[in-house]
């Protein structure tokens, strides 16, 4: 039975002798507790790695007809961040460079393994993985709301545009702005304004599907990416968000205030409204301004502006 306090190691290797050897090494680690789980082929190993249940992965460089480099690249493309240490019989610089380029934290030569070297590599990989994870959060997340920041969202939109162009699946881009936010800051102060931003961010993020994306795009503006969603479904989704905001006023911590918050939103859909990413963003921005000029607390589609 698995110990709830044990840190789990995944070994992906098709060599049964290597399984037994690593099991023996892990049992002699001075720190712990550690538990080792084994996957003996590419498909099983990738599935286990993508589960995100492991503190570190030991990955064989060669896995039958396929190799560990390919598996690691596939895992990284799926945004799996589990630290990986390559195990290889080849001590060449080319192997080292290829492993690091693919996203490995370290690589070890099988013939040189012993418990001390393996435990040190695992601890180093975990620590480096934690540091890189923290740096990624700083680079991709908004510090106040915890949402994606603009730079990361622009990358996501570009990726989704490429996917839509390749497979023909529609998606919606929404630009939404908190109504009269400057008045909130001027009347109640920036700390209350920050509480309003966090309130709206939490409600929006909690209402969206797991596959959708949301970012603080700048100031009081949010950007929402609804994948594989047509115009009708996207508008319905925004109306649900508006209803949730109406039902859930903001009550800033440390105050007796109750603030009713509304949004104005502009919505554009690819490929119906735009054929290029820059055009899609420009159209959703244009629709947002139209929503504000029309009285706020509403969603305006880029399609309606063409009528």
Protein backbone atom coordinates (compact mmCIF):
# COMPACT_ATOMS: atom_id res chain seq x y z
CA UNK A 1 0.00 0.00 0.00
CA UNK A 2 1.24 3.47 -0.90
CA UNK A 3 2.32 5.69 2.00
CA UNK A 4 0.56 9.08 1.92
CA UNK A 5 3.82 10.82 2.89
CA UNK A 6 6.05 9.05 0.33
CA UNK A 7 7.43 10.88 -2.68
CA UNK A 8 6.86 8.89 -5.83
CA UNK A 9 9.41 8.15 -8.53
CA UNK A 10 8.37 6.95 -11.98
CA UNK A 11 10.87 4.75 -13.87
CA UNK A 12 10.17 4.37 -17.61
CA UNK A 13 12.45 1.62 -18.88
CA UNK A 14 11.91 -1.56 -20.89
CA UNK A 15 14.78 -3.44 -19.16
CA UNK A 16 13.61 -5.66 -16.27
CA UNK A 17 17.13 -5.86 -14.86
CA UNK A 18 17.19 -2.08 -14.66
CA UNK A 19 13.87 -2.18 -12.78
CA UNK A 20 15.36 -4.42 -10.11
CA UNK A 21 18.58 -2.39 -9.91
CA UNK A 22 16.78 0.93 -9.41
CA UNK A 23 14.38 -0.64 -6.90
CA UNK A 24 17.41 -1.70 -4.88
CA UNK A 25 18.99 1.75 -5.09
CA UNK A 26 15.79 3.54 -4.02
CA UNK A 27 15.50 1.23 -1.02
CA UNK A 28 18.93 2.40 0.13
CA UNK A 29 18.24 6.14 -0.13
CA UNK A 30 19.10 7.91 3.13
CA UNK A 31 16.25 10.42 2.78
CA UNK A 32 12.64 9.56 2.21
CA UNK A 33 10.35 7.81 2.23
CA UNK A 34 10.40 7.20 -1.52
CA UNK A 35 8.32 4.83 -3.65
CA UNK A 36 9.22 3.58 -7.12
CA UNK A 37 6.66 2.80 -9.82
CA UNK A 38 7.67 1.24 -13.13
CA UNK A 39 6.39 1.58 -16.70
CA UNK A 40 7.92 -0.86 -19.19
CA UNK A 41 6.88 0.75 -22.49
CA UNK A 42 6.45 4.12 -24.18
CA UNK A 43 2.63 4.35 -24.12
CA UNK A 44 2.26 3.29 -20.49
CA UNK A 45 5.10 5.54 -19.41
CA UNK A 46 3.68 8.59 -21.16
CA UNK A 47 0.23 8.02 -19.68
CA UNK A 48 1.65 7.71 -16.17
CA UNK A 49 3.90 10.74 -16.58
CA UNK A 50 1.01 12.91 -17.81
CA UNK A 51 -0.97 12.00 -14.69
CA UNK A 52 1.24 14.43 -12.76
CA UNK A 53 1.39 12.10 -9.73
CA UNK A 54 5.17 11.81 -9.50
CA UNK A 55 7.87 13.89 -7.84
CA UNK A 56 10.41 12.91 -10.49
CA UNK A 57 10.71 10.63 -13.53
CA UNK A 58 13.69 8.44 -14.47
CA UNK A 59 13.50 7.98 -18.22
CA UNK A 60 15.43 5.48 -20.34
CA UNK A 61 16.99 7.02 -23.44
CA UNK A 62 15.98 4.02 -25.57
CA UNK A 63 12.49 2.49 -25.46
CA UNK A 64 12.34 -0.13 -28.17
CA UNK A 65 11.50 1.45 -31.53
CA UNK A 66 10.94 4.84 -29.92
CA UNK A 67 13.15 6.88 -27.59
CA UNK A 68 12.86 8.84 -24.40
CA UNK A 69 13.54 12.14 -26.15
CA UNK A 70 10.34 11.77 -28.14
CA UNK A 71 8.39 10.86 -25.02
CA UNK A 72 9.74 13.85 -23.09
CA UNK A 73 8.97 16.26 -25.94
CA UNK A 74 5.41 14.92 -26.09
CA UNK A 75 5.02 15.35 -22.32
CA UNK A 76 6.34 18.91 -22.41
CA UNK A 77 4.01 19.80 -25.29
CA UNK A 78 1.16 18.63 -23.04
CA UNK A 79 2.50 21.08 -20.41
CA UNK A 80 3.66 18.35 -18.04
CA UNK A 81 6.34 19.78 -15.75
CA UNK A 82 7.46 16.68 -13.78
CA UNK A 83 11.27 16.82 -13.43
CA UNK A 84 12.92 14.19 -15.65
CA UNK A 85 16.34 12.55 -15.30
CA UNK A 86 17.54 10.58 -18.33
CA UNK A 87 19.22 7.20 -17.90
CA UNK A 88 21.50 6.23 -20.76
CA UNK A 89 24.32 3.91 -21.68
CA UNK A 90 25.81 6.64 -23.87
CA UNK A 91 28.07 9.20 -22.18
CA UNK A 92 28.56 11.42 -25.25
CA UNK A 93 28.15 15.21 -25.24
CA UNK A 94 25.58 14.84 -28.03
CA UNK A 95 23.38 12.76 -25.72
CA UNK A 96 23.77 15.28 -22.91
CA UNK A 97 22.87 18.20 -25.19
CA UNK A 98 19.87 16.38 -26.69
CA UNK A 99 18.51 15.47 -23.26
CA UNK A 100 18.83 19.02 -21.93
CA UNK A 101 17.30 20.51 -25.08
CA UNK A 102 14.30 18.18 -24.77
CA UNK A 103 13.67 19.41 -21.22
CA UNK A 104 15.51 16.97 -18.94
CA UNK A 105 16.94 18.26 -15.66
CA UNK A 106 19.90 15.86 -15.70
CA UNK A 107 21.18 12.66 -17.27
CA UNK A 108 23.02 9.71 -15.74
CA UNK A 109 25.11 6.97 -17.30
CA UNK A 110 23.69 3.59 -16.29
CA UNK A 111 27.09 1.98 -15.80
CA UNK A 112 28.05 4.63 -13.24
CA UNK A 113 24.89 4.44 -11.12
CA UNK A 114 24.92 3.84 -7.37
CA UNK A 115 22.44 4.82 -4.63
CA UNK A 116 24.28 8.01 -3.69
CA UNK A 117 24.55 9.32 -7.27
CA UNK A 118 20.92 8.47 -8.07
CA UNK A 119 19.53 10.03 -4.89
CA UNK A 120 21.58 13.19 -5.43
CA UNK A 121 20.34 13.49 -9.04
CA UNK A 122 16.72 13.03 -7.97
CA UNK A 123 16.95 15.65 -5.24
CA UNK A 124 18.70 18.08 -7.59
CA UNK A 125 16.06 17.55 -10.30
CA UNK A 126 13.21 18.13 -7.85
CA UNK A 127 14.77 21.32 -6.50
CA UNK A 128 15.52 22.64 -9.98
CA UNK A 129 11.99 21.75 -11.08
CA UNK A 130 10.49 23.69 -8.16
CA UNK A 131 12.65 26.72 -8.96
CA UNK A 132 11.73 26.63 -12.64
CA UNK A 133 8.06 26.27 -11.73
CA UNK A 134 8.24 29.37 -9.55
CA UNK A 135 10.00 31.32 -12.31
CA UNK A 136 7.35 30.21 -14.80
CA UNK A 137 4.59 31.44 -12.51
CA UNK A 138 6.31 34.81 -12.20
CA UNK A 139 6.68 35.01 -15.98
CA UNK A 140 3.19 33.86 -16.95
CA UNK A 141 0.83 34.86 -14.12
CA UNK A 142 -0.59 38.15 -12.93
CA UNK A 143 0.59 38.72 -9.36
CA UNK A 144 -2.66 40.26 -8.09
CA UNK A 145 -5.32 37.95 -9.54
CA UNK A 146 -3.35 34.77 -10.22
CA UNK A 147 -4.71 34.69 -13.77
CA UNK A 148 -2.53 34.36 -16.86
CA UNK A 149 -0.83 37.61 -17.81
CA UNK A 150 -1.08 39.31 -21.19
CA UNK A 151 2.12 37.86 -22.62
CA UNK A 152 1.08 34.30 -21.81
CA UNK A 153 -2.43 34.88 -23.10
CA UNK A 154 -1.11 36.26 -26.39
CA UNK A 155 0.85 33.03 -26.78
CA UNK A 156 -2.27 30.96 -26.07
CA UNK A 157 -4.33 32.90 -28.60
CA UNK A 158 -1.63 32.45 -31.24
CA UNK A 159 -1.56 28.69 -30.57
CA UNK A 160 -5.35 28.47 -30.79
CA UNK A 161 -5.36 30.44 -34.06
CA UNK A 162 -2.92 27.94 -35.56
CA UNK A 163 -5.05 25.04 -34.32
CA UNK A 164 -8.23 26.57 -35.72
CA UNK A 165 -6.58 27.17 -39.08
CA UNK A 166 -5.36 23.59 -39.22
CA UNK A 167 -8.45 21.74 -38.02
CA UNK A 168 -11.23 24.22 -38.76
CA UNK A 169 -12.56 24.28 -35.19
CA UNK A 170 -14.14 27.61 -34.13
CA UNK A 171 -13.20 29.47 -30.98
CA UNK A 172 -14.27 32.73 -29.39
CA UNK A 173 -12.16 35.56 -28.02
CA UNK A 174 -13.78 37.88 -25.47
CA UNK A 175 -12.37 41.16 -24.22
CA UNK A 176 -14.17 42.28 -21.05
CA UNK A 177 -13.76 45.45 -19.02
CA UNK A 178 -15.02 46.28 -15.50
CA UNK A 179 -17.52 49.13 -15.80
CA UNK A 180 -16.70 52.41 -14.02
CA UNK A 181 -13.58 50.93 -12.44
CA UNK A 182 -11.87 54.34 -12.22
CA UNK A 183 -14.80 55.60 -10.17
CA UNK A 184 -14.33 52.68 -7.74
CA UNK A 185 -10.66 53.58 -7.29
CA UNK A 186 -11.35 57.30 -6.97
CA UNK A 187 -14.20 56.80 -4.46
CA UNK A 188 -12.94 53.92 -2.33
CA UNK A 189 -9.20 53.75 -2.97
CA UNK A 190 -6.90 51.41 -4.85
CA UNK A 191 -6.99 48.68 -2.19
CA UNK A 192 -10.73 48.31 -2.72
CA UNK A 193 -10.09 48.42 -6.46
CA UNK A 194 -7.69 45.52 -6.06
CA UNK A 195 -10.33 43.58 -4.14
CA UNK A 196 -12.80 44.17 -6.96
CA UNK A 197 -10.28 42.89 -9.51
CA UNK A 198 -9.66 39.73 -7.48
CA UNK A 199 -13.41 39.25 -6.99
CA UNK A 200 -14.17 39.45 -10.70
CA UNK A 201 -11.18 37.27 -11.61
CA UNK A 202 -12.29 34.56 -9.17
CA UNK A 203 -15.88 34.53 -10.43
CA UNK A 204 -14.89 34.44 -14.08
CA UNK A 205 -12.24 31.74 -13.64
CA UNK A 206 -14.62 29.59 -11.57
CA UNK A 207 -17.38 29.75 -14.18
CA UNK A 208 -15.29 28.84 -17.23
CA UNK A 209 -14.67 25.32 -18.47
CA UNK A 210 -11.35 23.63 -17.71
CA UNK A 211 -10.32 23.88 -21.38
CA UNK A 212 -10.99 27.63 -21.58
CA UNK A 213 -8.41 30.29 -20.72
CA UNK A 214 -8.64 33.64 -18.96
CA UNK A 215 -6.11 36.40 -18.37
CA UNK A 216 -5.84 39.82 -16.85
CA UNK A 217 -5.05 41.61 -20.07
CA UNK A 218 -4.23 44.96 -18.51
CA UNK A 219 -5.65 47.26 -15.84
CA UNK A 220 -9.31 46.32 -15.38
CA UNK A 221 -9.51 44.38 -18.66
CA UNK A 222 -9.84 40.60 -18.89
CA UNK A 223 -9.44 38.35 -21.92
CA UNK A 224 -11.27 35.05 -22.26
CA UNK A 225 -10.55 32.27 -24.75
CA UNK A 226 -13.42 29.82 -25.32
CA UNK A 227 -12.13 26.88 -27.35
CA UNK A 228 -14.27 25.00 -29.87
CA UNK A 229 -17.10 27.45 -29.22
CA UNK A 230 -19.32 29.16 -31.80
CA UNK A 231 -20.79 32.65 -31.49
CA UNK A 232 -24.13 31.58 -30.04
CA UNK A 233 -22.57 29.42 -27.32
CA UNK A 234 -20.01 32.10 -26.46
CA UNK A 235 -22.71 34.76 -26.05
CA UNK A 236 -24.74 32.41 -23.86
CA UNK A 237 -21.64 31.77 -21.77
CA UNK A 238 -21.09 35.50 -21.26
CA UNK A 239 -24.71 36.01 -20.23
CA UNK A 240 -24.20 33.35 -17.54
CA UNK A 241 -21.14 35.22 -16.33
CA UNK A 242 -23.09 38.49 -16.20
CA UNK A 243 -25.84 36.78 -14.21
CA UNK A 244 -23.29 35.40 -11.74
CA UNK A 245 -21.79 38.86 -11.24
CA UNK A 246 -25.25 40.32 -10.63
CA UNK A 247 -25.96 37.65 -8.02
CA UNK A 248 -22.58 38.01 -6.30
CA UNK A 249 -21.68 41.58 -5.32
CA UNK A 250 -18.17 42.33 -4.13
CA UNK A 251 -17.70 42.78 -0.39
CA UNK A 252 -14.09 43.95 0.06
CA UNK A 253 -12.36 42.48 3.09
CA UNK A 254 -11.99 44.85 6.01
CA UNK A 255 -14.82 47.13 4.86
CA UNK A 256 -18.60 47.26 5.17
CA UNK A 257 -18.97 47.96 1.45
CA UNK A 258 -21.17 45.99 -0.93
CA UNK A 259 -20.30 46.84 -4.52
CA UNK A 260 -22.33 45.74 -7.52
CA UNK A 261 -19.90 45.10 -10.35
CA UNK A 262 -20.74 44.80 -14.05
CA UNK A 263 -18.76 44.11 -17.21
CA UNK A 264 -18.79 45.27 -20.78
CA UNK A 265 -17.59 42.68 -23.28
CA UNK A 266 -16.68 42.40 -26.94
CA UNK A 267 -16.71 39.03 -28.65
CA UNK A 268 -15.21 37.82 -31.93
CA UNK A 269 -15.10 34.31 -33.37
CA UNK A 270 -12.57 32.60 -35.59
CA UNK A 271 -12.95 31.80 -38.43
CA UNK A 272 -16.36 33.47 -38.90
CA UNK A 273 -15.25 37.01 -38.00
CA UNK A 274 -11.51 36.90 -38.70
CA UNK A 275 -8.95 34.88 -40.59
CA UNK A 276 -5.90 36.10 -38.67
CA UNK A 277 -5.03 36.38 -34.99
CA UNK A 278 -4.31 40.12 -35.06
CA UNK A 279 -7.63 40.77 -36.80
CA UNK A 280 -9.50 38.70 -34.20
CA UNK A 281 -8.01 40.70 -31.32
CA UNK A 282 -8.75 44.01 -33.07
CA UNK A 283 -12.37 43.02 -33.71
CA UNK A 284 -13.00 41.90 -30.13
CA UNK A 285 -11.52 45.20 -28.90
CA UNK A 286 -13.74 47.12 -31.29
CA UNK A 287 -16.80 45.21 -30.06
CA UNK A 288 -15.79 45.96 -26.45
CA UNK A 289 -15.74 49.70 -27.12
CA UNK A 290 -19.11 49.39 -28.81
CA UNK A 291 -20.51 47.67 -25.70
CA UNK A 292 -19.26 50.51 -23.49
CA UNK A 293 -20.69 53.19 -25.79
CA UNK A 294 -24.03 51.34 -25.91
CA UNK A 295 -24.50 51.66 -22.15
CA UNK A 296 -22.19 49.03 -20.60
CA UNK A 297 -23.18 45.80 -18.77
CA UNK A 298 -23.60 43.92 -22.04
CA UNK A 299 -21.81 41.84 -24.66
CA UNK A 300 -21.49 43.01 -28.24
CA UNK A 301 -20.33 40.69 -31.02
CA UNK A 302 -18.05 41.68 -33.89
CA UNK A 303 -20.64 40.15 -36.20
CA UNK A 304 -23.30 42.63 -35.06
CA UNK A 305 -21.06 45.56 -35.98
CA UNK A 306 -21.10 44.47 -39.62
CA UNK A 307 -24.88 44.72 -39.86
